[in-house]
Amino acid sequence: MAPRACWPQLRRAAGIRGADLELVVRPAAGAGRDPFDVAGALGGSGADAALLVAPARRAPRCLLPAPLVAGVPVGILPAASSADIEAWLGTVTGPVAPHTTTVMSMALNHFVASGHRLAGMLADRGEVALRLADRTSRDDLCTHLATGPRLAIYIGHGHSRGWCGYRDLDWEHVAAVPIGRPCGVVVALACNTLTRARGNEPFGCRWVRCGRAAAYLGSAHALRTEANAAFAVVLGGVLAEGPSTLGAALVRVAAVADPLAARAMASFRIIGDPLAPV
């Protein structure tokens, strides 16, 4: 679902990836938690995933009610014009990043323990790089992320400008390192990294708009600690099973009967490509 001005670029991306694509004109915004009626557009479509090219000025939490709409993973692509999606298109039409995973966390003991636990769960997926804040500097982490792991997961506190770990990692620190290859999927198991505060672009949206990641999964709200921990465990277990894409992983998470994980997941949104490989 996108303005017509973006259709040629989206057709080009779908053609390069060999994906079937149905384009729908984005309607005028209405009221409620699904202002563009994505649920109505998906009804009976049989789609594997959907993308909403949305007004950049709107906060992600005001665009969709959840990361899955009518059971379908939906990515949000904030854009004020078609030019705003060019950098992101390079991440989805270029070669897929090698099957590497980076696990990050704040230096607080319980987050470090969670990072080690998650890395252990994902050990059979391929190469796992531990870059926890008790052993990794902010500059070293940003340099590592610029090499483009396929999946990068942060555990800790967050805010609209970035991650509280690594002496408060903000977008300026990420952008200061020249990009070698974009990340595939960046996941932040943290509060508020998709919150729009004082009119500033959310940290997670910048990863995608600037072509640093094909997709970013983060929370548009504050999270209860126990719910976020449950979501991390369920997500880690699902990722260990080897789903092919971010969207497929979230569909599996939703099928797990864990009320706490479900509560946390409702606060998350996908920015960018819901079919980004993980």
Protein backbone atom coordinates (compact mmCIF):
# COMPACT_ATOMS: atom_id res chain seq x y z
CA MET A 1 0.00 0.00 0.00
CA ALA A 2 1.74 3.14 -1.21
CA PRO A 3 1.29 6.45 -3.01
CA ARG A 4 1.44 6.00 -6.80
CA ALA A 5 4.69 7.99 -6.92
CA CYS A 6 6.45 5.08 -5.19
CA TRP A 7 5.05 2.32 -7.42
CA PRO A 8 7.85 2.26 -10.05
CA GLN A 9 10.51 1.76 -7.37
CA LEU A 10 8.52 -0.95 -5.63
CA ARG A 11 7.91 -2.75 -8.95
CA ARG A 12 11.64 -2.63 -9.66
CA ALA A 13 12.46 -4.10 -6.26
CA ALA A 14 9.87 -6.86 -6.64
CA GLY A 15 11.20 -7.70 -10.10
CA ILE A 16 14.78 -8.02 -8.86
CA ARG A 17 13.66 -10.30 -6.04
CA GLY A 18 11.29 -12.31 -8.21
CA ALA A 19 8.39 -11.59 -5.87
CA ASP A 20 4.71 -11.35 -6.77
CA LEU A 21 3.46 -7.86 -6.00
CA GLU A 22 0.00 -6.34 -5.72
CA LEU A 23 0.04 -2.56 -5.46
CA VAL A 24 -2.76 -0.72 -3.69
CA VAL A 25 -3.15 3.05 -3.56
CA ARG A 26 -2.76 4.31 -0.02
CA PRO A 27 -6.04 5.98 0.91
CA ALA A 28 -6.50 9.13 2.93
CA ALA A 29 -5.95 8.51 6.61
CA GLY A 30 -8.94 7.75 8.75
CA ALA A 31 -9.34 7.39 12.49
CA GLY A 32 -8.44 4.53 14.80
CA ARG A 33 -5.44 2.22 15.22
CA ASP A 34 -5.45 1.19 11.54
CA PRO A 35 -5.95 4.58 9.85
CA PHE A 36 -5.22 3.30 6.32
CA ASP A 37 -7.39 0.18 6.70
CA VAL A 38 -4.57 -2.26 6.04
CA ALA A 39 -6.73 -5.01 7.56
CA GLY A 40 -9.41 -4.34 4.96
CA ALA A 41 -6.88 -4.44 2.13
CA LEU A 42 -5.49 -7.75 3.38
CA GLY A 43 -8.83 -9.44 3.88
CA GLY A 44 -8.88 -12.61 1.79
CA SER A 45 -5.75 -11.59 -0.13
CA GLY A 46 -3.66 -14.62 0.84
CA ALA A 47 -0.63 -12.35 1.14
CA ASP A 48 2.53 -13.60 2.84
CA ALA A 49 3.42 -10.06 3.91
CA ALA A 50 2.54 -6.43 3.27
CA LEU A 51 4.27 -3.07 3.21
CA LEU A 52 2.72 0.27 4.14
CA VAL A 53 4.55 3.29 2.72
CA ALA A 54 3.39 5.76 5.33
CA PRO A 55 3.69 9.50 6.00
CA ALA A 56 7.04 10.08 7.70
CA ARG A 57 5.55 12.54 10.19
CA ARG A 58 3.34 9.87 11.81
CA ALA A 59 4.64 7.80 14.72
CA PRO A 60 4.78 4.04 13.99
CA ARG A 61 2.37 3.28 16.85
CA CYS A 62 -0.24 5.43 15.11
CA LEU A 63 0.03 3.60 11.79
CA LEU A 64 -0.73 -0.03 12.66
CA PRO A 65 -2.23 -1.79 15.67
CA ALA A 66 0.49 -4.50 15.83
CA PRO A 67 3.28 -6.07 13.73
CA LEU A 68 0.77 -8.62 12.38
CA VAL A 69 -2.47 -7.36 10.84
CA ALA A 70 -5.09 -10.01 10.03
CA GLY A 71 -2.35 -12.54 10.76
CA VAL A 72 -0.04 -11.04 8.10
CA PRO A 73 3.32 -9.40 8.93
CA VAL A 74 3.23 -5.77 7.82
CA GLY A 75 6.24 -3.51 7.47
CA ILE A 76 6.06 0.27 7.74
CA LEU A 77 8.18 2.36 5.40
CA PRO A 78 8.05 6.02 6.51
CA ALA A 79 8.52 8.32 3.53
CA ALA A 80 7.72 11.95 2.78
CA SER A 81 8.45 11.35 -0.92
CA SER A 82 9.58 8.58 -3.27
CA ALA A 83 13.18 9.77 -2.81
CA ASP A 84 13.00 8.69 0.84
CA ILE A 85 12.83 5.00 -0.06
CA GLU A 86 15.84 4.89 -2.41
CA ALA A 87 18.45 4.02 0.24
CA TRP A 88 16.22 1.29 1.64
CA LEU A 89 15.67 -0.19 -1.83
CA GLY A 90 19.39 -0.85 -2.02
CA THR A 91 19.17 -3.06 1.08
CA VAL A 92 16.41 -5.26 -0.36
CA THR A 93 17.70 -5.58 -3.92
CA GLY A 94 21.36 -6.20 -3.08
CA PRO A 95 22.94 -9.55 -2.15
CA VAL A 96 21.72 -11.20 1.07
CA ALA A 97 24.14 -10.78 3.96
CA PRO A 98 26.04 -13.88 5.10
CA HIS A 99 24.27 -15.97 7.76
CA THR A 100 25.77 -14.21 10.76
CA THR A 101 24.11 -13.13 14.00
CA THR A 102 25.25 -10.43 16.41
CA VAL A 103 23.95 -10.38 19.99
CA MET A 104 24.26 -7.11 21.93
CA SER A 105 23.24 -6.06 25.42
CA MET A 106 23.67 -3.41 28.09
CA ALA A 107 26.37 -4.08 30.68
CA LEU A 108 23.88 -4.64 33.51
CA ASN A 109 24.25 -8.20 34.82
CA HIS A 110 20.75 -9.43 33.96
CA PHE A 111 21.00 -8.12 30.40
CA VAL A 112 24.45 -9.66 29.98
CA ALA A 113 23.04 -12.98 31.20
CA SER A 114 20.17 -12.67 28.72
CA GLY A 115 22.65 -11.96 25.93
CA HIS A 116 24.66 -15.10 26.71
CA ARG A 117 21.44 -17.14 26.94
CA LEU A 118 20.21 -15.86 23.56
CA ALA A 119 23.59 -16.50 21.92
CA GLY A 120 23.47 -20.08 23.20
CA MET A 121 19.98 -20.56 21.76
CA LEU A 122 21.13 -19.32 18.35
CA ALA A 123 24.46 -21.16 18.23
CA ASP A 124 23.26 -23.72 15.67
CA ARG A 125 22.15 -21.03 13.19
CA GLY A 126 25.71 -20.23 12.13
CA GLU A 127 28.27 -17.71 13.29
CA VAL A 128 27.19 -15.81 16.41
CA ALA A 129 29.18 -12.74 17.47
CA LEU A 130 28.81 -11.64 21.10
CA ARG A 131 29.19 -7.88 21.34
CA LEU A 132 27.92 -7.24 24.88
CA ALA A 133 28.59 -3.86 26.47
CA ASP A 134 30.67 -5.33 29.30
CA ARG A 135 33.36 -6.25 26.74
CA THR A 136 32.63 -4.03 23.71
CA SER A 137 33.01 -0.27 23.31
CA ARG A 138 30.49 1.88 21.48
CA ASP A 139 32.95 2.62 18.66
CA ASP A 140 33.84 -1.05 18.24
CA LEU A 141 30.16 -2.01 18.10
CA CYS A 142 29.35 0.61 15.45
CA THR A 143 32.32 -0.57 13.37
CA HIS A 144 31.08 -4.15 13.64
CA LEU A 145 27.51 -3.27 12.69
CA ALA A 146 28.79 -1.45 9.59
CA THR A 147 30.02 -4.85 8.30
CA GLY A 148 26.38 -5.94 7.94
CA PRO A 149 25.41 -8.99 9.99
CA ARG A 150 22.24 -10.61 8.70
CA LEU A 151 20.63 -10.46 12.15
CA ALA A 152 21.58 -8.13 15.02
CA ILE A 153 19.70 -8.27 18.34
CA TYR A 154 20.04 -5.73 21.18
CA ILE A 155 18.79 -6.41 24.72
CA GLY A 156 18.55 -3.57 27.21
CA HIS A 157 17.01 -0.17 27.81
CA GLY A 158 16.20 2.17 24.95
CA HIS A 159 14.62 5.49 24.05
CA SER A 160 13.54 7.37 20.95
CA ARG A 161 17.11 8.45 20.11
CA GLY A 162 18.84 5.08 20.52
CA TRP A 163 20.03 2.40 22.94
CA CYS A 164 21.04 3.15 26.52
CA GLY A 165 23.84 0.58 26.38
CA TYR A 166 27.36 1.33 25.12
CA ARG A 167 27.40 4.71 26.89
CA ASP A 168 24.16 5.74 25.20
CA LEU A 169 24.44 4.75 21.55
CA ASP A 170 22.59 7.28 19.39
CA TRP A 171 22.15 7.59 15.64
CA GLU A 172 25.09 9.97 15.30
CA HIS A 173 27.40 7.19 16.50
CA VAL A 174 26.00 4.69 13.99
CA ALA A 175 26.13 7.14 11.10
CA ALA A 176 29.70 8.23 11.87
CA VAL A 177 31.09 4.88 10.64
CA PRO A 178 31.13 4.44 6.84
CA ILE A 179 28.87 1.58 5.85
CA GLY A 180 30.47 -1.50 4.35
CA ARG A 181 27.31 -3.55 3.95
CA PRO A 182 23.81 -2.95 5.38
CA CYS A 183 22.48 -5.18 8.12
CA GLY A 184 19.66 -7.52 7.26
CA VAL A 185 17.42 -7.26 10.33
CA VAL A 186 18.09 -5.24 13.48
CA VAL A 187 15.98 -6.19 16.52
CA ALA A 188 15.82 -4.05 19.66
CA LEU A 189 14.33 -5.81 22.69
CA ALA A 190 14.05 -2.46 24.43
CA CYS A 191 11.53 0.26 25.14
CA ASN A 192 10.62 3.13 22.87
CA THR A 193 13.13 2.90 20.00
CA LEU A 194 10.23 3.51 17.60
CA THR A 195 8.76 6.35 19.65
CA ARG A 196 8.57 9.77 18.02
CA ALA A 197 9.63 12.32 20.66
CA ARG A 198 9.66 16.10 20.17
CA GLY A 199 9.08 15.57 16.46
CA ASN A 200 12.38 13.71 15.99
CA GLU A 201 12.61 10.70 13.71
CA PRO A 202 12.68 7.48 15.78
CA PHE A 203 16.02 5.68 16.05
CA GLY A 204 14.69 2.50 14.45
CA CYS A 205 13.24 4.34 11.46
CA ARG A 206 16.63 5.88 10.72
CA TRP A 207 18.24 2.46 10.30
CA VAL A 208 15.86 1.73 7.43
CA ARG A 209 15.51 5.15 5.82
CA CYS A 210 19.29 5.60 5.67
CA GLY A 211 19.86 2.17 4.14
CA ARG A 212 21.65 0.71 7.17
CA ALA A 213 19.20 -2.20 7.52
CA ALA A 214 16.53 -3.88 5.43
CA ALA A 215 14.26 -4.10 8.48
CA TYR A 216 14.14 -2.99 12.10
CA LEU A 217 11.93 -4.61 14.74
CA GLY A 218 11.44 -2.46 17.81
CA SER A 219 8.90 -1.27 20.34
CA ALA A 220 6.76 1.80 19.85
CA HIS A 221 5.90 1.86 23.56
CA ALA A 222 7.39 1.33 27.00
CA LEU A 223 7.59 -2.39 27.84
CA ARG A 224 7.00 -4.29 31.06
CA THR A 225 10.25 -6.03 31.98
CA GLU A 226 8.72 -9.46 32.50
CA ALA A 227 6.74 -9.28 29.24
CA ASN A 228 9.80 -8.24 27.24
CA ALA A 229 11.82 -11.06 28.81
CA ALA A 230 9.13 -13.58 27.85
CA PHE A 231 9.05 -12.23 24.30
CA ALA A 232 12.86 -12.51 24.08
CA VAL A 233 12.75 -16.17 25.12
CA VAL A 234 9.97 -17.06 22.67
CA LEU A 235 11.57 -15.11 19.82
CA GLY A 236 14.94 -16.73 20.51
CA GLY A 237 13.38 -20.18 20.44
CA VAL A 238 11.63 -19.45 17.16
CA LEU A 239 14.76 -18.02 15.54
CA ALA A 240 16.68 -21.13 16.60
CA GLU A 241 14.25 -23.18 14.50
CA GLY A 242 15.46 -21.37 11.37
CA PRO A 243 12.57 -19.37 9.91
CA SER A 244 13.47 -17.84 6.57
CA THR A 245 12.24 -14.29 7.16
CA LEU A 246 11.45 -11.83 9.93
CA GLY A 247 7.74 -11.99 9.13
CA ALA A 248 7.71 -15.80 9.25
CA ALA A 249 9.41 -15.67 12.65
CA LEU A 250 6.77 -13.31 14.06
CA VAL A 251 3.93 -15.48 12.74
CA ARG A 252 5.47 -18.39 14.65
CA VAL A 253 5.90 -16.28 17.79
CA ALA A 254 2.21 -15.34 17.63
CA ALA A 255 1.30 -19.05 17.51
CA VAL A 256 3.04 -19.73 20.84
CA ALA A 257 0.59 -19.67 23.74
CA ASP A 258 2.47 -17.24 25.99
CA PRO A 259 0.32 -14.32 27.22
CA LEU A 260 3.30 -12.26 28.42
CA ALA A 261 5.14 -12.62 25.12
CA ALA A 262 1.95 -11.74 23.23
CA ARG A 263 1.52 -8.60 25.35
CA ALA A 264 5.04 -7.45 24.53
CA MET A 265 4.79 -8.33 20.85
CA ALA A 266 1.74 -6.08 20.46
CA SER A 267 4.00 -3.10 21.24
CA PHE A 268 6.45 -3.93 18.44
CA ARG A 269 6.36 -2.74 14.84
CA ILE A 270 8.31 -3.79 11.75
CA ILE A 271 10.02 -0.93 9.95
CA GLY A 272 11.06 -1.89 6.43
CA ASP A 273 10.91 -5.29 4.77
CA PRO A 274 8.83 -7.94 6.60
CA LEU A 275 10.36 -10.55 4.26
CA ALA A 276 13.94 -9.64 5.14
CA PRO A 277 15.92 -12.88 5.63
CA VAL A 278 16.97 -13.79 9.15
